[in-house]
Protein backbone atom coordinates (compact mmCIF):
# COMPACT_ATOMS: atom_id res chain seq x y z
CA UNK A 1 7.92 16.34 -25.37
CA UNK A 2 10.70 13.90 -24.59
CA UNK A 3 12.02 11.40 -27.09
CA UNK A 4 12.08 7.70 -26.23
CA UNK A 5 14.72 5.13 -27.10
CA UNK A 6 13.14 4.48 -30.52
CA UNK A 7 13.16 8.15 -31.48
CA UNK A 8 9.41 8.52 -30.96
CA UNK A 9 7.82 11.18 -28.79
CA UNK A 10 7.06 9.96 -25.26
CA UNK A 11 3.51 10.94 -24.36
CA UNK A 12 2.21 11.90 -20.95
CA UNK A 13 0.17 8.69 -20.92
CA UNK A 14 3.30 6.55 -21.31
CA UNK A 15 5.04 8.53 -18.56
CA UNK A 16 2.01 8.13 -16.32
CA UNK A 17 1.87 4.38 -16.89
CA UNK A 18 5.60 4.11 -16.23
CA UNK A 19 5.24 6.00 -12.96
CA UNK A 20 2.40 3.71 -11.89
CA UNK A 21 4.46 0.64 -12.79
CA UNK A 22 7.38 1.99 -10.76
CA UNK A 23 5.17 2.94 -7.79
CA UNK A 24 3.72 -0.54 -7.69
CA UNK A 25 7.17 -2.15 -7.74
CA UNK A 26 8.48 0.12 -4.97
CA UNK A 27 5.36 -0.41 -2.87
CA UNK A 28 5.72 -4.18 -3.38
CA UNK A 29 9.24 -4.06 -2.00
CA UNK A 30 8.07 -2.06 1.03
CA UNK A 31 5.16 -4.46 1.53
CA UNK A 32 7.47 -7.46 1.41
CA UNK A 33 9.51 -6.07 4.30
CA UNK A 34 6.42 -5.00 6.25
CA UNK A 35 4.70 -8.37 5.88
CA UNK A 36 7.81 -10.22 7.02
CA UNK A 37 8.25 -7.97 10.07
CA UNK A 38 4.53 -8.21 10.88
CA UNK A 39 4.46 -12.03 10.61
CA UNK A 40 7.66 -12.51 12.60
CA UNK A 41 6.29 -10.24 15.31
CA UNK A 42 2.99 -12.12 15.48
CA UNK A 43 4.69 -15.52 15.54
CA UNK A 44 7.11 -14.35 18.23
CA UNK A 45 4.33 -12.85 20.35
CA UNK A 46 1.93 -15.78 20.10
CA UNK A 47 4.60 -18.42 20.64
CA UNK A 48 5.60 -16.46 23.72
CA UNK A 49 2.05 -16.94 24.98
CA UNK A 50 1.04 -13.29 24.81
CA UNK A 51 -2.67 -12.54 24.54
CA UNK A 52 -4.11 -9.86 22.29
CA UNK A 53 -4.54 -7.59 25.29
CA UNK A 54 -0.91 -8.11 26.33
CA UNK A 55 0.30 -7.34 22.80
CA UNK A 56 -1.76 -4.15 22.69
CA UNK A 57 -0.43 -3.15 26.10
CA UNK A 58 3.09 -3.33 24.64
CA UNK A 59 2.27 -1.36 21.50
CA UNK A 60 0.33 1.44 23.19
CA UNK A 61 2.25 4.70 22.96
CA UNK A 62 5.07 3.12 20.94
CA UNK A 63 5.81 5.58 18.12
CA UNK A 64 8.07 3.09 16.34
CA UNK A 65 5.17 0.67 15.85
CA UNK A 66 2.89 3.52 14.83
CA UNK A 67 5.44 4.65 12.21
CA UNK A 68 5.85 1.08 10.99
CA UNK A 69 2.13 0.59 10.51
CA UNK A 70 1.71 4.01 8.86
CA UNK A 71 4.35 2.98 6.29
CA UNK A 72 2.61 -0.40 5.89
CA UNK A 73 -0.77 1.29 5.28
CA UNK A 74 0.67 3.78 2.79
CA UNK A 75 2.34 0.95 0.85
CA UNK A 76 -0.98 -0.93 0.72
CA UNK A 77 -2.83 2.23 -0.37
CA UNK A 78 -0.39 2.68 -3.28
CA UNK A 79 -0.02 -0.95 -4.30
CA UNK A 80 -3.58 -2.27 -4.22
CA UNK A 81 -5.35 0.39 -6.33
CA UNK A 82 -2.68 0.17 -9.03
CA UNK A 83 -3.12 -3.60 -9.18
CA UNK A 84 -6.91 -3.24 -9.26
CA UNK A 85 -6.53 -0.68 -12.04
CA UNK A 86 -4.78 -3.25 -14.19
CA UNK A 87 -7.29 -5.99 -13.30
CA UNK A 88 -10.34 -3.80 -13.99
CA UNK A 89 -8.84 -2.74 -17.32
CA UNK A 90 -7.87 -6.23 -18.49
CA UNK A 91 -10.84 -8.22 -17.16
CA UNK A 92 -13.68 -5.70 -17.18
CA UNK A 93 -12.55 -3.25 -19.86
CA UNK A 94 -12.86 -0.28 -17.49
CA UNK A 95 -10.87 2.73 -18.63
CA UNK A 96 -10.63 6.44 -18.14
CA UNK A 97 -11.09 9.05 -15.48
CA UNK A 98 -14.12 7.38 -13.90
CA UNK A 99 -12.14 4.20 -13.15
CA UNK A 100 -9.23 6.23 -11.80
CA UNK A 101 -11.53 8.33 -9.61
CA UNK A 102 -13.15 5.21 -8.17
CA UNK A 103 -9.77 3.64 -7.43
CA UNK A 104 -8.48 6.89 -5.92
CA UNK A 105 -11.49 6.91 -3.59
CA UNK A 106 -10.73 3.28 -2.74
CA UNK A 107 -7.13 4.26 -1.92
CA UNK A 108 -8.38 7.02 0.38
CA UNK A 109 -10.65 4.47 2.08
CA UNK A 110 -7.69 2.16 2.62
CA UNK A 111 -5.69 5.01 4.18
CA UNK A 112 -8.55 6.04 6.47
CA UNK A 113 -9.22 2.49 7.66
CA UNK A 114 -5.54 1.62 7.91
CA UNK A 115 -4.64 4.74 9.87
CA UNK A 116 -7.59 4.01 12.16
CA UNK A 117 -6.25 0.53 12.83
CA UNK A 118 -2.70 1.82 13.34
CA UNK A 119 -3.99 4.44 15.76
CA UNK A 120 -5.96 1.75 17.58
CA UNK A 121 -2.74 -0.19 18.15
CA UNK A 122 -0.98 2.98 19.33
CA UNK A 123 -3.56 4.87 21.41
């Protein structure tokens, strides 16, 4: 095993927690950009007097918007379960493989629903 800065062996659990911490920080940065773009777009569209139907007419078949929302959904699907993992551990005392399996299933649900919504904007 690797040796940490204090000369102690770095366990797989520590590496795993570090990777989750990093994934949540990266996904937060992606989400920040996505939320800003999304809000600016909505404000621009609604101030311009566009209806929901007119907005959808402009997004239909636009692969750039599809790609944007796929990235947005993936960032949500990474970020939210990691945050819920921390909350369920600290507040509810949930630990172990069962918790992680439940949160993985939740992440899959977010991807399925999010991709469905993104496809709805595109198709």
